Amino acid sequence: MGKVHLLNNVKENTTEYSLVRVKSTWTCKEKHSHIGSTACVSPAKIYETLTEKGTSWTVVTPIIFSYKVTETHGLLDPCNATLLTGHAHEPQTSADTLRIPSKPIKRFVVVDQEVYRIYGSQITKYFEVNNVTCKILALPTTEENKSMEMALKILEELNSFSIDRRAEPVIAIGGGVCLDIVGLAASLYRRRTPYIRVPTTLLSYIDASVGAKTGVNFANCKNKLGSYIPPVATYLDLSFIKTIPRRHISNGLAEMLKMALMKHKELFELLEKHGQHLLDSKFQSDSSVFSVSSQSASRSTRLAIVTMLEELAPNLWEDDLNRLVDFGHVISPALEMRVLPSLLHGEAVNIDMAYMVYVSRESGQLTEDEKNRIISCMVGLELPVWHQACTMELIQSSLQDRLKHSGGLVRMPLPVGLGQAEIFNNTSYEVLTSAYEKWCNERSC
């Protein structure tokens, strides 16, 4: 085959066009053309480039998503209209729409099976009292069932029920797995149907509910199929947390600790000091407005959500692969899938974080005292800090996989103090193995 000669001196002529709509028609207008005051101008641009080879068009279209994450109380109280109208940009308009007798309100609701066992009667009553025609689909949304088959089952039911894909959002009520699967199904139906997230576990309250990612497991890999389509709204009601087992409270605390170690020393100190109380109270307030439980619960969840949003909002589609929120997610996906279902997601994340704390200490980024404080905090939150399935072989395999999918760099987030972190790409094999040996010697008993 002959060599391809790159022509660096090819003459180009590029014209920038704005897109202007008059009545129902969009038209290209050159950059300096007169545009009437009544015209609608799109933020999109078309660049037409003429060369000796032919013509090419470059389309630049800003994609802007707006979604609300709202703390609320009594979400299933029939008098609380949040679940039906809270997502609308104009609350008054949405309320007026609900009162139009000629158009009945419809909602398609997917609920985790265990959540339905506890709250099914309340959910049913909520929609009945508000005269909503609804389909409630209760499914076993566990990690083992987090598959494309489950998403397709939802889509088949959704298609049979028939909704207005712009005015009648799908509602997901459950833990992170439920929110992920329903989000993916909604993003696929008619190419994008709005959906609402209602997290019922602490982990989903802090993590899955506030971002844009949806997904299912595929080819024995966690979340290998998915999309970046945020919900139109997420409603956070801490009262759901009171019905989940203590182990699942710890599970969620792992994601809160992740954000604390990466970004916020105050949050770390809150978890260090009040972790046991949060576990005991299940983040519920007692009769005293200024009680320790109410203050620590509201402050810690707020800090965890704000720090998470700070990292997610400017990088919703993960164009920048240097992500502090990946702390605890370098090894844990492979570990979690290997021992499924014995470890919960947050538990696998914490084991990953515990090892990385040793890596950070061995690299000289943490003091011995800081390392011990972090591990003690993990133990206090009743989280595992070691697992026999987390072998050096699995660690190496996970790092190699990360290299393949992260632009040839490991991009390993590591704590460099309490509430501070940096991304590292050059951690040596010697440091990794030395940290692993010390981790096993000190934590495997």
Protein backbone atom coordinates (compact mmCIF):
# COMPACT_ATOMS: atom_id res chain seq x y z
CA MET A 1 0.00 0.00 0.00
CA GLY A 2 1.20 3.50 -0.79
CA LYS A 3 1.78 6.16 1.79
CA VAL A 4 -0.95 8.64 2.61
CA HIS A 5 0.27 12.19 2.10
CA LEU A 6 -1.21 14.73 4.51
CA LEU A 7 -1.94 18.00 2.75
CA ASN A 8 -1.20 20.73 5.26
CA ASN A 9 -1.70 23.54 2.76
CA VAL A 10 -5.26 22.69 1.66
CA LYS A 11 -7.28 25.89 1.35
CA GLU A 12 -10.39 26.01 3.49
CA ASN A 13 -13.25 28.45 3.60
CA THR A 14 -15.47 28.17 6.68
CA THR A 15 -18.76 29.96 7.23
CA GLU A 16 -20.53 30.13 10.58
CA TYR A 17 -24.31 29.92 10.59
CA SER A 18 -26.79 30.61 13.34
CA LEU A 19 -30.08 28.69 13.41
CA VAL A 20 -33.08 30.99 13.42
CA ARG A 21 -36.72 29.94 13.69
CA VAL A 22 -39.51 32.04 12.25
CA LYS A 23 -42.93 30.51 12.88
CA SER A 24 -42.25 26.76 12.44
CA THR A 25 -39.20 26.86 10.18
CA TRP A 26 -35.54 26.78 11.13
CA THR A 27 -33.15 28.57 8.74
CA CYS A 28 -29.38 29.07 8.53
CA LYS A 29 -28.30 32.70 8.83
CA GLU A 30 -24.73 33.83 8.36
CA LYS A 31 -22.94 35.26 11.37
CA HIS A 32 -23.46 38.93 10.58
CA SER A 33 -26.93 38.69 9.04
CA HIS A 34 -29.74 40.78 10.44
CA ILE A 35 -32.01 38.76 12.73
CA GLY A 36 -35.38 40.21 13.69
CA SER A 37 -36.25 40.74 17.35
CA THR A 38 -39.18 38.32 17.17
CA ALA A 39 -37.09 35.43 15.83
CA CYS A 40 -36.06 32.49 17.99
CA VAL A 41 -32.27 31.89 17.83
CA SER A 42 -30.92 28.46 18.78
CA PRO A 43 -27.67 28.17 20.77
CA ALA A 44 -26.63 25.60 18.14
CA LYS A 45 -24.26 26.52 15.29
CA ILE A 46 -23.49 25.01 11.90
CA TYR A 47 -20.04 25.52 10.39
CA GLU A 48 -19.82 24.86 6.65
CA THR A 49 -16.29 24.24 5.37
CA LEU A 50 -15.46 24.27 1.65
CA THR A 51 -12.24 22.69 0.38
CA GLU A 52 -10.98 21.39 -2.94
CA LYS A 53 -12.09 17.92 -1.77
CA GLY A 54 -15.69 18.94 -1.12
CA THR A 55 -17.92 20.30 1.63
CA SER A 56 -18.21 19.34 5.31
CA TRP A 57 -20.57 20.53 8.00
CA THR A 58 -19.72 20.71 11.70
CA VAL A 59 -22.68 20.85 14.05
CA VAL A 60 -22.15 22.31 17.51
CA THR A 61 -25.19 21.73 19.72
CA PRO A 62 -25.06 22.55 23.44
CA ILE A 63 -26.95 19.93 25.43
CA ILE A 64 -28.29 21.34 28.68
CA PHE A 65 -30.03 19.20 31.28
CA SER A 66 -31.80 20.71 34.24
CA TYR A 67 -32.87 18.51 37.13
CA LYS A 68 -33.90 19.12 40.71
CA VAL A 69 -32.72 17.27 43.79
CA THR A 70 -35.20 18.14 46.52
CA GLU A 71 -35.40 17.26 50.20
CA THR A 72 -38.99 16.65 51.23
CA HIS A 73 -41.05 15.09 54.03
CA GLY A 74 -44.13 12.91 53.87
CA LEU A 75 -43.68 12.22 50.17
CA LEU A 76 -46.40 9.53 50.21
CA ASP A 77 -48.90 11.71 52.07
CA PRO A 78 -51.83 12.09 49.61
CA CYS A 79 -51.94 15.80 50.46
CA ASN A 80 -48.35 16.25 49.28
CA ALA A 81 -48.42 16.92 45.52
CA THR A 82 -44.62 16.85 45.13
CA LEU A 83 -44.52 13.43 43.50
CA LEU A 84 -47.06 14.51 40.87
CA THR A 85 -46.19 18.14 40.18
CA GLY A 86 -42.84 18.90 41.80
CA HIS A 87 -40.85 18.17 38.63
CA ALA A 88 -42.58 20.86 36.56
CA HIS A 89 -40.67 24.06 35.86
CA GLU A 90 -43.86 26.05 36.38
CA PRO A 91 -45.64 24.57 39.43
CA GLN A 92 -48.83 26.62 38.84
CA THR A 93 -49.09 25.42 35.24
CA SER A 94 -48.64 21.80 36.27
CA ALA A 95 -51.28 22.13 38.99
CA ASP A 96 -53.72 23.64 36.49
CA THR A 97 -53.02 20.79 34.07
CA LEU A 98 -53.87 18.26 36.77
CA ARG A 99 -57.29 19.82 37.17
CA ILE A 100 -58.25 19.43 33.50
CA PRO A 101 -61.03 16.81 33.69
CA SER A 102 -60.71 15.78 30.03
CA LYS A 103 -57.19 14.48 30.53
CA PRO A 104 -56.77 11.97 33.36
CA ILE A 105 -53.40 11.87 35.07
CA LYS A 106 -51.36 8.75 34.37
CA ARG A 107 -48.19 7.49 36.01
CA PHE A 108 -46.08 4.39 35.43
CA VAL A 109 -44.38 3.44 38.70
CA VAL A 110 -41.63 0.87 39.20
CA VAL A 111 -41.05 -0.13 42.82
CA ASP A 112 -38.51 -2.44 44.33
CA GLN A 113 -40.29 -5.59 45.51
CA GLU A 114 -39.13 -5.25 49.12
CA VAL A 115 -40.07 -1.57 49.20
CA TYR A 116 -43.52 -2.48 47.85
CA ARG A 117 -43.94 -5.03 50.64
CA ILE A 118 -43.50 -2.22 53.18
CA TYR A 119 -44.99 0.79 51.39
CA GLY A 120 -47.23 -0.77 48.72
CA SER A 121 -50.51 0.16 50.39
CA GLN A 122 -49.35 3.76 50.92
CA ILE A 123 -48.18 4.10 47.32
CA THR A 124 -51.46 2.70 46.00
CA LYS A 125 -53.52 4.96 48.25
CA TYR A 126 -51.48 8.02 47.24
CA PHE A 127 -52.39 7.63 43.57
CA GLU A 128 -55.96 6.56 44.25
CA VAL A 129 -56.72 9.60 46.43
CA ASN A 130 -55.24 11.89 43.75
CA ASN A 131 -57.33 10.22 41.01
CA VAL A 132 -54.26 9.05 39.12
CA THR A 133 -54.51 6.16 36.67
CA CYS A 134 -51.36 4.24 37.39
CA LYS A 135 -49.53 1.02 36.73
CA ILE A 136 -47.44 -0.12 39.70
CA LEU A 137 -44.80 -2.65 38.74
CA ALA A 138 -43.08 -4.32 41.72
CA LEU A 139 -39.82 -6.05 40.75
CA PRO A 140 -36.93 -7.81 42.55
CA THR A 141 -34.33 -5.16 41.70
CA THR A 142 -31.25 -6.79 43.19
CA GLU A 143 -27.68 -6.69 41.91
CA GLU A 144 -28.07 -10.25 40.58
CA ASN A 145 -31.10 -9.13 38.53
CA LYS A 146 -29.56 -5.89 37.28
CA SER A 147 -29.70 -6.91 33.63
CA MET A 148 -30.92 -5.87 30.22
CA GLU A 149 -33.65 -8.49 30.58
CA MET A 150 -35.03 -6.61 33.58
CA ALA A 151 -34.89 -3.31 31.68
CA LEU A 152 -36.73 -4.91 28.74
CA LYS A 153 -39.42 -6.26 31.07
CA ILE A 154 -40.00 -2.70 32.30
CA LEU A 155 -40.10 -1.42 28.73
CA GLU A 156 -42.67 -4.03 27.67
CA GLU A 157 -44.96 -3.06 30.56
CA LEU A 158 -44.39 0.65 29.89
CA ASN A 159 -45.23 0.25 26.22
CA SER A 160 -48.45 -1.62 27.08
CA PHE A 161 -49.52 1.03 29.58
CA SER A 162 -48.92 3.92 27.15
CA ILE A 163 -47.96 7.30 28.58
CA ASP A 164 -47.42 10.82 27.27
CA ARG A 165 -43.65 10.71 27.02
CA ARG A 166 -43.24 14.40 27.78
CA ALA A 167 -45.91 15.10 30.39
CA GLU A 168 -46.08 11.84 32.35
CA PRO A 169 -42.70 10.92 33.84
CA VAL A 170 -41.91 7.36 34.87
CA ILE A 171 -41.39 7.07 38.64
CA ALA A 172 -38.75 4.80 40.21
CA ILE A 173 -39.02 4.05 43.94
CA GLY A 174 -36.27 1.92 45.48
CA GLY A 175 -32.56 1.53 46.00
CA GLY A 176 -29.71 2.26 43.62
CA VAL A 177 -30.26 -0.83 41.47
CA CYS A 178 -33.92 0.06 40.91
CA LEU A 179 -33.06 3.68 40.08
CA ASP A 180 -30.33 2.63 37.64
CA ILE A 181 -32.46 0.08 35.74
CA VAL A 182 -35.53 2.31 35.50
CA GLY A 183 -33.36 5.24 34.42
CA LEU A 184 -31.91 3.15 31.59
CA ALA A 185 -35.35 1.92 30.52
CA ALA A 186 -36.69 5.50 30.48
CA SER A 187 -33.69 6.74 28.50
CA LEU A 188 -34.35 4.06 25.86
CA TYR A 189 -38.13 4.44 25.58
CA ARG A 190 -38.93 6.78 22.69
CA ARG A 191 -35.22 7.75 22.87
CA ARG A 192 -35.77 9.64 26.13
CA THR A 193 -38.73 9.66 28.47
CA PRO A 194 -38.50 11.77 31.62
CA TYR A 195 -38.29 9.91 34.90
CA ILE A 196 -38.29 10.67 38.63
CA ARG A 197 -36.10 9.04 41.27
CA VAL A 198 -37.24 8.33 44.82
CA PRO A 199 -34.36 6.69 46.75
CA THR A 200 -35.32 4.46 49.65
CA THR A 201 -31.85 3.42 50.87
CA LEU A 202 -29.12 5.60 52.34
CA LEU A 203 -26.67 4.65 49.60
CA SER A 204 -29.05 5.63 46.79
CA TYR A 205 -30.04 8.78 48.73
CA ILE A 206 -26.42 9.97 48.69
CA ASP A 207 -25.10 8.47 45.46
CA ALA A 208 -27.27 7.05 42.66
CA SER A 209 -30.14 9.51 43.02
CA VAL A 210 -28.18 12.74 42.56
CA GLY A 211 -26.29 11.98 39.33
CA ALA A 212 -27.07 11.26 35.68
CA LYS A 213 -25.83 7.70 35.24
CA THR A 214 -28.11 4.78 34.49
CA GLY A 215 -27.09 1.21 33.79
CA VAL A 216 -27.25 -2.55 34.02
CA ASN A 217 -24.62 -5.24 34.42
CA PHE A 218 -23.41 -7.01 31.28
CA ALA A 219 -20.83 -9.68 30.41
CA ASN A 220 -20.22 -10.21 34.14
CA CYS A 221 -19.15 -6.54 34.46
CA LYS A 222 -20.83 -3.95 36.64
CA ASN A 223 -22.81 -1.25 34.80
CA LYS A 224 -21.23 -2.00 31.43
CA LEU A 225 -24.40 -0.91 29.61
CA GLY A 226 -25.91 2.45 30.44
CA SER A 227 -26.49 6.08 29.59
CA TYR A 228 -25.96 9.57 30.94
CA ILE A 229 -29.55 10.80 31.21
CA PRO A 230 -30.45 12.48 34.52
CA PRO A 231 -33.93 12.33 36.03
CA VAL A 232 -36.14 15.40 35.78
CA ALA A 233 -36.27 15.30 39.56
CA THR A 234 -35.09 13.39 42.60
CA TYR A 235 -37.07 13.51 45.84
CA LEU A 236 -35.21 12.79 49.06
CA ASP A 237 -37.28 11.69 52.05
CA LEU A 238 -35.19 10.42 54.96
CA SER A 239 -38.20 8.68 56.50
CA PHE A 240 -37.70 5.78 54.06
CA ILE A 241 -34.36 5.05 55.73
CA LYS A 242 -35.98 4.02 59.02
CA THR A 243 -37.25 0.75 57.53
CA ILE A 244 -33.95 -0.52 56.10
CA PRO A 245 -31.66 -2.94 58.02
CA ARG A 246 -28.70 -1.61 59.98
CA ARG A 247 -26.26 -3.21 57.54
CA HIS A 248 -27.73 -1.09 54.73
CA ILE A 249 -27.19 2.06 56.81
CA SER A 250 -23.50 1.15 57.01
CA ASN A 251 -23.58 0.45 53.30
CA GLY A 252 -24.68 4.03 52.60
CA LEU A 253 -22.23 5.49 55.09
CA ALA A 254 -19.41 4.13 52.92
CA GLU A 255 -20.34 6.52 50.09
CA MET A 256 -20.59 9.38 52.56
CA LEU A 257 -17.14 8.51 53.90
CA LYS A 258 -15.81 8.47 50.33
CA MET A 259 -16.82 12.10 49.83
CA ALA A 260 -15.52 13.01 53.28
CA LEU A 261 -12.06 11.58 52.56
CA MET A 262 -11.87 13.16 49.13
CA LYS A 263 -13.25 16.62 49.84
CA HIS A 264 -14.51 17.52 53.29
CA LYS A 265 -12.75 17.20 56.63
CA GLU A 266 -15.80 18.39 58.58
CA LEU A 267 -17.85 15.56 57.10
CA PHE A 268 -15.15 13.08 58.08
CA GLU A 269 -15.14 14.40 61.65
CA LEU A 270 -18.95 14.20 61.78
CA LEU A 271 -18.85 10.54 60.74
CA GLU A 272 -15.95 9.84 63.07
CA LYS A 273 -17.74 11.39 66.05
CA HIS A 274 -21.42 10.60 65.36
CA GLY A 275 -21.24 7.49 63.13
CA GLN A 276 -22.55 5.13 65.78
CA HIS A 277 -25.38 7.51 66.64
CA LEU A 278 -26.36 7.76 62.96
CA LEU A 279 -26.41 3.98 62.77
CA ASP A 280 -28.52 3.70 65.91
CA SER A 281 -31.00 6.45 64.94
CA LYS A 282 -31.12 5.48 61.22
CA PHE A 283 -30.86 9.21 60.41
CA GLN A 284 -34.22 9.89 62.05
CA SER A 285 -34.85 12.95 64.22
CA ASP A 286 -36.24 12.59 67.72
CA SER A 287 -38.69 14.97 69.40
CA SER A 288 -36.01 17.61 70.04
CA VAL A 289 -35.44 19.93 67.08
CA PHE A 290 -31.87 20.51 68.19
CA SER A 291 -31.06 16.91 68.99
CA VAL A 292 -27.68 15.43 68.11
CA SER A 293 -29.37 12.96 65.76
CA SER A 294 -31.29 15.57 63.77
CA GLN A 295 -28.31 17.93 63.51
CA SER A 296 -25.74 15.28 62.55
CA ALA A 297 -28.14 13.54 60.15
CA SER A 298 -29.15 16.69 58.28
CA ARG A 299 -25.64 18.17 58.25
CA SER A 300 -23.88 14.99 57.12
CA THR A 301 -26.36 14.16 54.35
CA ARG A 302 -26.30 17.74 53.11
CA LEU A 303 -22.49 17.82 52.98
CA ALA A 304 -22.35 14.44 51.23
CA ILE A 305 -24.87 15.53 48.59
CA VAL A 306 -23.32 18.96 48.00
CA THR A 307 -19.80 17.55 47.64
CA MET A 308 -21.12 14.89 45.27
CA LEU A 309 -22.96 17.47 43.14
CA GLU A 310 -19.86 19.68 43.06
CA GLU A 311 -17.99 16.85 41.35
CA LEU A 312 -20.81 15.60 39.12
CA ALA A 313 -22.44 18.80 37.80
CA PRO A 314 -19.46 20.13 35.77
CA ASN A 315 -18.62 16.65 34.47
CA LEU A 316 -22.01 14.99 34.01
CA TRP A 317 -20.93 12.97 30.95
CA GLU A 318 -17.49 12.14 32.40
CA ASP A 319 -15.61 13.93 29.61
CA ASP A 320 -12.90 14.49 32.20
CA LEU A 321 -11.74 11.07 33.39
CA ASN A 322 -9.93 12.49 36.43
CA ARG A 323 -12.73 11.97 38.93
CA LEU A 324 -12.39 12.09 42.71
CA VAL A 325 -15.73 10.27 42.99
CA ASP A 326 -13.97 7.19 41.57
CA PHE A 327 -12.26 6.70 44.93
CA GLY A 328 -13.28 3.25 46.13
CA HIS A 329 -14.34 2.30 42.60
CA VAL A 330 -11.03 1.13 41.15
CA ILE A 331 -11.09 -2.43 42.52
CA SER A 332 -14.59 -2.69 44.01
CA PRO A 333 -16.54 -3.35 40.75
CA ALA A 334 -14.55 -6.56 40.09
CA LEU A 335 -14.60 -7.54 43.78
CA GLU A 336 -18.36 -7.02 44.08
CA MET A 337 -19.10 -9.08 40.97
CA ARG A 338 -16.69 -11.85 41.99
CA VAL A 339 -18.36 -12.50 45.36
CA LEU A 340 -21.93 -11.53 44.40
CA PRO A 341 -24.19 -11.41 46.40
CA SER A 342 -22.16 -11.64 49.61
CA LEU A 343 -20.97 -8.00 49.58
CA LEU A 344 -23.18 -4.95 49.29
CA HIS A 345 -21.97 -2.18 46.98
CA GLY A 346 -20.87 0.15 49.78
CA GLU A 347 -19.05 -2.69 51.53
CA ALA A 348 -17.05 -3.48 48.39
CA VAL A 349 -16.32 0.24 47.97
CA ASN A 350 -15.08 0.46 51.54
CA ILE A 351 -12.72 -2.51 51.13
CA ASP A 352 -11.30 -0.78 48.06
CA MET A 353 -10.93 2.47 50.02
CA ALA A 354 -9.26 0.71 52.95
CA TYR A 355 -6.61 -0.77 50.66
CA MET A 356 -6.10 2.59 48.94
CA VAL A 357 -5.59 4.25 52.33
CA TYR A 358 -2.67 1.86 52.82
CA VAL A 359 -1.39 2.74 49.33
CA SER A 360 -1.61 6.42 50.23
CA ARG A 361 0.24 5.83 53.49
CA GLU A 362 2.93 3.78 51.74
CA SER A 363 3.30 6.60 49.16
CA GLY A 364 3.86 9.12 51.93
CA GLN A 365 0.59 10.96 51.29
CA LEU A 366 -0.92 10.10 54.70
CA THR A 367 0.61 9.99 58.15
CA GLU A 368 0.33 6.85 60.25
CA ASP A 369 -2.07 8.67 62.56
CA GLU A 370 -4.30 9.73 59.64
CA LYS A 371 -4.32 6.20 58.27
CA ASN A 372 -5.31 4.76 61.65
CA ARG A 373 -8.03 7.38 62.15
CA ILE A 374 -9.57 6.55 58.77
CA ILE A 375 -9.52 2.79 59.38
CA SER A 376 -10.93 3.26 62.90
CA CYS A 377 -13.73 5.40 61.47
CA MET A 378 -14.54 2.64 58.95
CA VAL A 379 -14.67 0.06 61.71
CA GLY A 380 -16.87 2.39 63.78
CA LEU A 381 -19.27 2.64 60.86
CA GLU A 382 -19.40 -1.19 60.91
CA LEU A 383 -17.87 -1.50 57.46
CA PRO A 384 -15.51 -4.30 56.33
CA VAL A 385 -11.91 -3.16 55.83
CA TRP A 386 -10.53 -6.34 54.23
CA HIS A 387 -11.72 -9.31 52.19
CA GLN A 388 -9.95 -12.50 51.21
CA ALA A 389 -11.23 -12.25 47.62
CA CYS A 390 -9.44 -8.93 47.16
CA THR A 391 -6.19 -10.53 46.03
CA MET A 392 -3.17 -8.88 44.46
CA GLU A 393 -4.14 -10.60 41.23
CA LEU A 394 -7.59 -8.98 41.30
CA ILE A 395 -6.02 -5.59 42.10
CA GLN A 396 -3.60 -5.84 39.16
CA SER A 397 -6.37 -6.99 36.83
CA SER A 398 -8.58 -4.07 37.91
CA LEU A 399 -5.78 -1.57 37.33
CA GLN A 400 -5.08 -3.01 33.88
CA ASP A 401 -8.76 -2.76 33.03
CA ARG A 402 -8.77 0.84 34.21
CA LEU A 403 -5.82 1.64 31.96
CA LYS A 404 -7.79 0.36 28.97
CA HIS A 405 -10.88 2.42 29.73
CA SER A 406 -9.29 5.61 31.10
CA GLY A 407 -7.17 6.82 28.22
CA GLY A 408 -4.08 4.80 29.13
CA LEU A 409 -3.79 6.28 32.64
CA VAL A 410 -4.74 4.73 35.98
CA ARG A 411 -6.18 8.01 37.34
CA MET A 412 -6.13 6.71 40.89
CA PRO A 413 -7.75 9.05 43.45
CA LEU A 414 -5.89 8.93 46.77
CA PRO A 415 -6.34 10.87 50.02
CA VAL A 416 -3.46 13.24 50.77
CA GLY A 417 -4.80 14.25 54.16
CA LEU A 418 -8.19 14.21 55.85
CA GLY A 419 -10.64 15.75 53.40
CA GLN A 420 -8.07 16.28 50.66
CA ALA A 421 -7.23 14.19 47.61
CA GLU A 422 -5.31 14.11 44.34
CA ILE A 423 -5.27 11.93 41.22
CA PHE A 424 -2.15 9.73 40.77
CA ASN A 425 -0.92 7.96 37.65
CA ASN A 426 2.55 6.76 38.64
CA THR A 427 2.11 4.65 41.77
CA SER A 428 4.78 1.97 41.53
CA TYR A 429 4.20 -1.78 41.68
CA GLU A 430 6.50 -1.88 44.73
CA VAL A 431 4.27 0.57 46.60
CA LEU A 432 1.13 -1.38 45.63
CA THR A 433 2.54 -4.72 46.80
CA SER A 434 4.08 -3.31 49.96
CA ALA A 435 0.76 -1.63 50.84
CA TYR A 436 -1.06 -4.88 50.12
CA GLU A 437 1.20 -6.90 52.42
CA LYS A 438 0.79 -4.43 55.29
CA TRP A 439 -2.96 -4.24 54.69
CA CYS A 440 -3.28 -8.03 54.87
CA ASN A 441 -1.00 -8.36 57.89
CA GLU A 442 -2.87 -5.74 59.89
CA ARG A 443 -6.48 -6.25 58.75
CA SER A 444 -6.98 -9.89 57.76
CA CYS A 445 -7.42 -11.16 61.34
